[in-house]
Amino acid sequence: MYKTILVPIEMSQIELGKSMIETARKHSDKETRIILLNVIEDIPSWAAVGLPKDILESSRKSTTEEVQALANAASIQADVEICSGHPYKNILEKASEEEVDLIIIASHKPGLQDYLLGSTAAKVVRHARCSVLVVR
């Protein structure tokens, strides 16, 4: 079994998130630490200026509650972490910081943009220093 599993959750893909949490549960035991991570992409400064002052903090709080609810529904103990920035960079940094053994990440059917830029899952698979399990 794994000591630490990182599960990046994208809020626009909740059903995949549920599947990834279930996969993490199957690959864990009582000693395994599961980290559920949501990365909020940075908002350009020109767009952030027009937003209400507390909207980002409010969004972070509601996202934390939603991700924790996913963990509770799956009956797992998990650390919930929310950060902002580039998703793949934050996923790789968290994996390194926490000495993660396994990253369970979702993939979707690639579109043209993914072929040109590379998806988050593809970048994580290429650069992670631990095992990566891709869930579709």
N, C-alpha and C. Protein backbone atom coordinates (compact mmCIF):
# COMPACT_ATOMS: atom_id res chain seq x y z
N MET A 1 0.83 -1.19 0.00
CA MET A 1 0.00 0.00 0.00
C MET A 1 0.88 1.25 0.00
N TYR A 2 0.25 2.34 -0.27
CA TYR A 2 0.96 3.61 -0.36
C TYR A 2 0.89 4.36 0.96
N LYS A 3 1.93 5.16 1.24
CA LYS A 3 1.94 5.96 2.46
C LYS A 3 1.16 7.26 2.29
N THR A 4 1.36 7.91 1.14
CA THR A 4 0.69 9.19 0.89
C THR A 4 0.20 9.22 -0.55
N ILE A 5 -1.10 9.52 -0.71
CA ILE A 5 -1.72 9.59 -2.03
C ILE A 5 -2.25 11.01 -2.23
N LEU A 6 -1.92 11.59 -3.37
CA LEU A 6 -2.40 12.92 -3.73
C LEU A 6 -3.47 12.78 -4.80
N VAL A 7 -4.63 13.41 -4.56
CA VAL A 7 -5.74 13.35 -5.50
C VAL A 7 -6.14 14.78 -5.86
N PRO A 8 -5.69 15.29 -7.02
CA PRO A 8 -6.13 16.62 -7.46
C PRO A 8 -7.58 16.56 -7.93
N ILE A 9 -8.41 17.42 -7.38
CA ILE A 9 -9.84 17.45 -7.70
C ILE A 9 -10.14 18.71 -8.49
N GLU A 10 -10.73 18.54 -9.66
CA GLU A 10 -11.17 19.68 -10.46
C GLU A 10 -12.67 19.82 -10.25
N MET A 11 -13.11 20.96 -9.79
CA MET A 11 -14.51 21.14 -9.42
C MET A 11 -15.46 21.02 -10.61
N SER A 12 -14.98 21.22 -11.81
CA SER A 12 -15.85 21.08 -12.98
C SER A 12 -16.02 19.61 -13.39
N GLN A 13 -15.28 18.72 -12.72
CA GLN A 13 -15.36 17.29 -13.02
C GLN A 13 -15.61 16.50 -11.74
N ILE A 14 -16.70 16.84 -11.04
CA ILE A 14 -17.00 16.23 -9.74
C ILE A 14 -17.17 14.71 -9.84
N GLU A 15 -17.82 14.23 -10.89
CA GLU A 15 -18.02 12.78 -11.02
C GLU A 15 -16.68 12.05 -11.13
N LEU A 16 -15.75 12.62 -11.89
CA LEU A 16 -14.41 12.04 -11.96
C LEU A 16 -13.72 12.13 -10.61
N GLY A 17 -13.96 13.24 -9.91
CA GLY A 17 -13.40 13.40 -8.57
C GLY A 17 -13.85 12.30 -7.64
N LYS A 18 -15.14 11.97 -7.70
CA LYS A 18 -15.68 10.88 -6.86
C LYS A 18 -15.01 9.56 -7.22
N SER A 19 -14.82 9.33 -8.51
CA SER A 19 -14.17 8.11 -8.96
C SER A 19 -12.71 8.04 -8.49
N MET A 20 -12.02 9.17 -8.53
CA MET A 20 -10.62 9.21 -8.09
C MET A 20 -10.52 8.97 -6.59
N ILE A 21 -11.45 9.54 -5.82
CA ILE A 21 -11.44 9.32 -4.37
C ILE A 21 -11.68 7.85 -4.06
N GLU A 22 -12.60 7.23 -4.79
CA GLU A 22 -12.86 5.80 -4.59
C GLU A 22 -11.61 4.98 -4.95
N THR A 23 -10.92 5.36 -6.00
CA THR A 23 -9.69 4.68 -6.39
C THR A 23 -8.63 4.85 -5.30
N ALA A 24 -8.54 6.04 -4.73
CA ALA A 24 -7.59 6.28 -3.63
C ALA A 24 -7.93 5.40 -2.43
N ARG A 25 -9.22 5.29 -2.13
CA ARG A 25 -9.65 4.45 -1.01
C ARG A 25 -9.23 3.00 -1.23
N LYS A 26 -9.35 2.52 -2.47
CA LYS A 26 -8.98 1.13 -2.79
C LYS A 26 -7.48 0.90 -2.70
N HIS A 27 -6.68 1.96 -2.91
CA HIS A 27 -5.22 1.83 -2.89
C HIS A 27 -4.62 2.25 -1.54
N SER A 28 -5.46 2.36 -0.53
CA SER A 28 -4.97 2.83 0.77
C SER A 28 -5.32 1.83 1.87
N ASP A 29 -4.68 2.03 3.00
CA ASP A 29 -5.04 1.30 4.21
C ASP A 29 -5.17 2.32 5.34
N LYS A 30 -5.26 1.85 6.57
CA LYS A 30 -5.49 2.77 7.70
C LYS A 30 -4.33 3.74 7.92
N GLU A 31 -3.15 3.38 7.46
CA GLU A 31 -1.97 4.23 7.67
C GLU A 31 -1.75 5.23 6.55
N THR A 32 -2.47 5.10 5.45
CA THR A 32 -2.27 5.95 4.28
C THR A 32 -2.85 7.33 4.52
N ARG A 33 -2.08 8.33 4.15
CA ARG A 33 -2.55 9.72 4.20
C ARG A 33 -3.04 10.08 2.80
N ILE A 34 -4.27 10.56 2.70
CA ILE A 34 -4.83 10.98 1.43
C ILE A 34 -4.98 12.49 1.45
N ILE A 35 -4.44 13.14 0.41
CA ILE A 35 -4.53 14.59 0.28
C ILE A 35 -5.40 14.90 -0.93
N LEU A 36 -6.49 15.62 -0.71
CA LEU A 36 -7.34 16.09 -1.80
C LEU A 36 -6.95 17.53 -2.08
N LEU A 37 -6.51 17.79 -3.30
CA LEU A 37 -5.99 19.10 -3.67
C LEU A 37 -6.82 19.72 -4.78
N ASN A 38 -7.22 20.96 -4.58
CA ASN A 38 -7.88 21.71 -5.64
C ASN A 38 -7.02 22.93 -5.93
N VAL A 39 -6.74 23.14 -7.20
CA VAL A 39 -5.95 24.29 -7.61
C VAL A 39 -6.86 25.26 -8.35
N ILE A 40 -6.97 26.45 -7.79
CA ILE A 40 -7.75 27.51 -8.42
C ILE A 40 -6.80 28.28 -9.32
N GLU A 41 -7.11 28.28 -10.60
CA GLU A 41 -6.23 28.98 -11.54
C GLU A 41 -6.23 30.48 -11.25
N ASP A 42 -5.07 31.09 -11.39
CA ASP A 42 -4.93 32.52 -11.15
C ASP A 42 -5.84 33.32 -12.08
N ILE A 43 -6.41 34.36 -11.53
CA ILE A 43 -7.21 35.29 -12.32
C ILE A 43 -6.29 36.43 -12.73
N PRO A 44 -6.28 36.79 -14.00
CA PRO A 44 -5.43 37.90 -14.43
C PRO A 44 -5.76 39.16 -13.62
N SER A 45 -4.75 39.94 -13.33
CA SER A 45 -4.93 41.13 -12.50
C SER A 45 -5.95 42.10 -13.09
N TRP A 46 -5.99 42.20 -14.42
CA TRP A 46 -6.94 43.12 -15.03
C TRP A 46 -8.38 42.68 -14.78
N ALA A 47 -8.60 41.37 -14.61
CA ALA A 47 -9.95 40.86 -14.34
C ALA A 47 -10.26 40.89 -12.84
N ALA A 48 -9.23 40.66 -12.03
CA ALA A 48 -9.42 40.62 -10.58
C ALA A 48 -9.80 41.98 -10.00
N VAL A 49 -9.39 43.04 -10.66
CA VAL A 49 -9.67 44.39 -10.17
C VAL A 49 -11.16 44.63 -10.03
N GLY A 50 -11.95 44.11 -10.94
CA GLY A 50 -13.39 44.35 -10.93
C GLY A 50 -14.18 43.42 -10.02
N LEU A 51 -13.51 42.46 -9.39
CA LEU A 51 -14.22 41.51 -8.53
C LEU A 51 -14.40 42.07 -7.12
N PRO A 52 -15.48 41.68 -6.46
CA PRO A 52 -15.65 42.08 -5.06
C PRO A 52 -14.46 41.59 -4.24
N LYS A 53 -14.12 42.34 -3.21
CA LYS A 53 -12.93 42.09 -2.42
C LYS A 53 -12.86 40.68 -1.83
N ASP A 54 -13.97 40.18 -1.33
CA ASP A 54 -13.94 38.90 -0.62
C ASP A 54 -14.36 37.71 -1.48
N ILE A 55 -14.54 37.90 -2.76
CA ILE A 55 -15.04 36.80 -3.61
C ILE A 55 -14.05 35.63 -3.69
N LEU A 56 -12.77 35.91 -3.75
CA LEU A 56 -11.78 34.84 -3.85
C LEU A 56 -11.73 34.02 -2.56
N GLU A 57 -11.78 34.70 -1.43
CA GLU A 57 -11.77 33.98 -0.15
C GLU A 57 -13.05 33.18 0.03
N SER A 58 -14.15 33.74 -0.39
CA SER A 58 -15.44 33.04 -0.33
C SER A 58 -15.42 31.80 -1.22
N SER A 59 -14.85 31.93 -2.40
CA SER A 59 -14.74 30.81 -3.33
C SER A 59 -13.85 29.71 -2.75
N ARG A 60 -12.76 30.11 -2.14
CA ARG A 60 -11.83 29.15 -1.53
C ARG A 60 -12.53 28.38 -0.40
N LYS A 61 -13.30 29.10 0.41
CA LYS A 61 -14.00 28.47 1.53
C LYS A 61 -15.05 27.48 1.04
N SER A 62 -15.86 27.89 0.05
CA SER A 62 -16.90 26.99 -0.45
C SER A 62 -16.29 25.78 -1.16
N THR A 63 -15.18 25.97 -1.85
CA THR A 63 -14.50 24.84 -2.50
C THR A 63 -13.98 23.86 -1.46
N THR A 64 -13.41 24.38 -0.39
CA THR A 64 -12.92 23.52 0.70
C THR A 64 -14.06 22.68 1.27
N GLU A 65 -15.21 23.32 1.49
CA GLU A 65 -16.37 22.60 2.02
C GLU A 65 -16.87 21.53 1.05
N GLU A 66 -16.89 21.85 -0.24
CA GLU A 66 -17.36 20.88 -1.24
C GLU A 66 -16.42 19.67 -1.34
N VAL A 67 -15.12 19.93 -1.33
CA VAL A 67 -14.15 18.83 -1.40
C VAL A 67 -14.21 17.98 -0.14
N GLN A 68 -14.37 18.62 1.01
CA GLN A 68 -14.50 17.87 2.27
C GLN A 68 -15.76 17.01 2.25
N ALA A 69 -16.84 17.54 1.67
CA ALA A 69 -18.08 16.77 1.54
C ALA A 69 -17.88 15.53 0.67
N LEU A 70 -17.06 15.65 -0.38
CA LEU A 70 -16.74 14.48 -1.22
C LEU A 70 -16.02 13.41 -0.40
N ALA A 71 -15.07 13.84 0.42
CA ALA A 71 -14.34 12.89 1.28
C ALA A 71 -15.28 12.23 2.27
N ASN A 72 -16.14 13.03 2.89
CA ASN A 72 -17.09 12.49 3.86
C ASN A 72 -18.04 11.49 3.21
N ALA A 73 -18.50 11.79 2.00
CA ALA A 73 -19.42 10.90 1.29
C ALA A 73 -18.75 9.57 0.96
N ALA A 74 -17.45 9.60 0.74
CA ALA A 74 -16.70 8.38 0.43
C ALA A 74 -16.20 7.68 1.70
N SER A 75 -16.50 8.26 2.86
CA SER A 75 -16.11 7.69 4.15
C SER A 75 -14.60 7.53 4.28
N ILE A 76 -13.87 8.56 3.86
CA ILE A 76 -12.41 8.53 4.02
C ILE A 76 -11.97 9.74 4.84
N GLN A 77 -10.87 9.58 5.53
CA GLN A 77 -10.21 10.69 6.20
C GLN A 77 -9.23 11.27 5.20
N ALA A 78 -9.34 12.56 4.93
CA ALA A 78 -8.44 13.17 3.96
C ALA A 78 -8.11 14.59 4.38
N ASP A 79 -6.91 15.01 4.03
CA ASP A 79 -6.53 16.41 4.19
C ASP A 79 -7.01 17.13 2.94
N VAL A 80 -7.67 18.26 3.12
CA VAL A 80 -8.15 19.04 1.98
C VAL A 80 -7.29 20.29 1.88
N GLU A 81 -6.73 20.51 0.71
CA GLU A 81 -5.89 21.68 0.50
C GLU A 81 -6.34 22.39 -0.77
N ILE A 82 -6.43 23.70 -0.67
CA ILE A 82 -6.81 24.55 -1.79
C ILE A 82 -5.67 25.53 -2.00
N CYS A 83 -5.23 25.65 -3.24
CA CYS A 83 -4.18 26.62 -3.55
C CYS A 83 -4.50 27.28 -4.89
N SER A 84 -3.72 28.25 -5.27
CA SER A 84 -3.96 28.92 -6.55
C SER A 84 -2.68 28.95 -7.36
N GLY A 85 -2.85 28.98 -8.67
CA GLY A 85 -1.72 29.00 -9.57
C GLY A 85 -1.95 28.08 -10.75
N HIS A 86 -0.87 27.60 -11.34
CA HIS A 86 -0.94 26.66 -12.45
C HIS A 86 -1.18 25.27 -11.89
N PRO A 87 -2.21 24.57 -12.34
CA PRO A 87 -2.53 23.27 -11.75
C PRO A 87 -1.37 22.28 -11.75
N TYR A 88 -0.75 22.03 -12.91
CA TYR A 88 0.28 20.99 -12.93
C TYR A 88 1.47 21.35 -12.05
N LYS A 89 1.84 22.62 -12.00
CA LYS A 89 2.97 23.03 -11.15
C LYS A 89 2.64 22.81 -9.68
N ASN A 90 1.43 23.19 -9.27
CA ASN A 90 1.03 23.01 -7.88
C ASN A 90 0.92 21.54 -7.51
N ILE A 91 0.43 20.73 -8.42
CA ILE A 91 0.32 19.30 -8.16
C ILE A 91 1.71 18.70 -7.94
N LEU A 92 2.64 19.03 -8.81
CA LEU A 92 4.00 18.50 -8.70
C LEU A 92 4.71 19.02 -7.46
N GLU A 93 4.51 20.30 -7.14
CA GLU A 93 5.12 20.86 -5.93
C GLU A 93 4.58 20.19 -4.67
N LYS A 94 3.27 20.01 -4.60
CA LYS A 94 2.66 19.36 -3.44
C LYS A 94 3.14 17.92 -3.32
N ALA A 95 3.24 17.24 -4.44
CA ALA A 95 3.72 15.85 -4.42
C ALA A 95 5.14 15.78 -3.87
N SER A 96 5.97 16.72 -4.27
CA SER A 96 7.35 16.76 -3.79
C SER A 96 7.40 17.12 -2.30
N GLU A 97 6.68 18.16 -1.91
CA GLU A 97 6.67 18.62 -0.51
C GLU A 97 6.22 17.52 0.45
N GLU A 98 5.18 16.80 0.06
CA GLU A 98 4.56 15.80 0.93
C GLU A 98 5.13 14.40 0.74
N GLU A 99 6.13 14.26 -0.12
CA GLU A 99 6.74 12.97 -0.42
C GLU A 99 5.67 11.93 -0.78
N VAL A 100 4.86 12.30 -1.74
CA VAL A 100 3.75 11.49 -2.19
C VAL A 100 4.26 10.25 -2.93
N ASP A 101 3.62 9.11 -2.68
CA ASP A 101 3.95 7.85 -3.35
C ASP A 101 3.14 7.65 -4.63
N LEU A 102 1.92 8.22 -4.65
CA LEU A 102 1.02 8.01 -5.77
C LEU A 102 0.17 9.25 -5.99
N ILE A 103 0.08 9.66 -7.25
CA ILE A 103 -0.84 10.73 -7.64
C ILE A 103 -1.93 10.06 -8.46
N ILE A 104 -3.17 10.31 -8.08
CA ILE A 104 -4.31 9.80 -8.86
C ILE A 104 -4.94 11.02 -9.51
N ILE A 105 -4.89 11.07 -10.83
CA ILE A 105 -5.33 12.26 -11.56
C ILE A 105 -6.32 11.88 -12.65
N ALA A 106 -7.22 12.79 -12.94
CA ALA A 106 -8.24 12.56 -13.97
C ALA A 106 -7.73 13.00 -15.33
N SER A 107 -8.23 12.33 -16.33
CA SER A 107 -7.97 12.74 -17.70
C SER A 107 -9.31 12.85 -18.39
N HIS A 108 -9.32 13.59 -19.44
CA HIS A 108 -10.55 13.74 -20.21
C HIS A 108 -10.21 13.50 -21.67
N LYS A 109 -11.21 13.45 -22.49
CA LYS A 109 -10.95 13.27 -23.92
C LYS A 109 -10.27 14.54 -24.43
N PRO A 110 -9.09 14.39 -25.01
CA PRO A 110 -8.34 15.57 -25.42
C PRO A 110 -8.99 16.31 -26.59
N GLY A 111 -8.89 17.62 -26.51
CA GLY A 111 -9.32 18.47 -27.61
C GLY A 111 -8.09 19.01 -28.32
N LEU A 112 -8.28 19.82 -29.32
CA LEU A 112 -7.16 20.36 -30.08
C LEU A 112 -6.20 21.14 -29.18
N GLN A 113 -6.73 21.89 -28.22
CA GLN A 113 -5.88 22.67 -27.31
C GLN A 113 -4.93 21.77 -26.54
N ASP A 114 -5.41 20.58 -26.13
CA ASP A 114 -4.57 19.66 -25.38
C ASP A 114 -3.42 19.13 -26.23
N TYR A 115 -3.68 18.92 -27.52
CA TYR A 115 -2.62 18.43 -28.38
C TYR A 115 -1.54 19.49 -28.58
N LEU A 116 -1.94 20.74 -28.58
CA LEU A 116 -0.97 21.82 -28.79
C LEU A 116 -0.24 22.19 -27.51
N LEU A 117 -0.96 22.25 -26.39
CA LEU A 117 -0.37 22.71 -25.14
C LEU A 117 -0.04 21.58 -24.17
N GLY A 118 -0.72 20.48 -24.27
CA GLY A 118 -0.53 19.39 -23.33
C GLY A 118 -1.46 19.55 -22.15
N SER A 119 -2.14 18.49 -21.77
CA SER A 119 -3.08 18.56 -20.66
C SER A 119 -2.34 18.53 -19.33
N THR A 120 -3.05 18.91 -18.28
CA THR A 120 -2.47 18.86 -16.94
C THR A 120 -2.04 17.44 -16.61
N ALA A 121 -2.89 16.46 -16.89
CA ALA A 121 -2.55 15.06 -16.59
C ALA A 121 -1.28 14.63 -17.33
N ALA A 122 -1.16 15.01 -18.59
CA ALA A 122 0.03 14.64 -19.37
C ALA A 122 1.29 15.25 -18.78
N LYS A 123 1.21 16.50 -18.36
CA LYS A 123 2.38 17.16 -17.76
C LYS A 123 2.75 16.50 -16.44
N VAL A 124 1.74 16.14 -15.64
CA VAL A 124 2.02 15.48 -14.36
C VAL A 124 2.65 14.12 -14.61
N VAL A 125 2.12 13.35 -15.55
CA VAL A 125 2.68 12.04 -15.86
C VAL A 125 4.14 12.17 -16.30
N ARG A 126 4.43 13.16 -17.14
CA ARG A 126 5.80 13.33 -17.65
C ARG A 126 6.79 13.76 -16.58
N HIS A 127 6.34 14.57 -15.61
CA HIS A 127 7.30 15.19 -14.69
C HIS A 127 7.26 14.70 -13.25
N ALA A 128 6.28 13.90 -12.88
CA ALA A 128 6.17 13.42 -11.50
C ALA A 128 7.32 12.48 -11.17
N ARG A 129 7.74 12.53 -9.92
CA ARG A 129 8.81 11.66 -9.45
C ARG A 129 8.26 10.46 -8.70
N CYS A 130 6.96 10.26 -8.80
CA CYS A 130 6.32 9.12 -8.14
C CYS A 130 5.38 8.48 -9.15
N SER A 131 4.73 7.42 -8.73
CA SER A 131 3.75 6.76 -9.61
C SER A 131 2.55 7.66 -9.83
N VAL A 132 1.98 7.57 -11.03
CA VAL A 132 0.79 8.35 -11.38
C VAL A 132 -0.23 7.38 -11.98
N LEU A 133 -1.44 7.44 -11.43
CA LEU A 133 -2.53 6.64 -11.94
C LEU A 133 -3.54 7.60 -12.59
N VAL A 134 -3.79 7.41 -13.88
CA VAL A 134 -4.71 8.28 -14.61
C VAL A 134 -6.06 7.60 -14.69
N VAL A 135 -7.09 8.32 -14.24
CA VAL A 135 -8.46 7.82 -14.22
C VAL A 135 -9.25 8.51 -15.31
N ARG A 136 -10.00 7.75 -16.07
CA ARG A 136 -10.89 8.33 -17.10
C ARG A 136 -12.32 8.13 -16.70
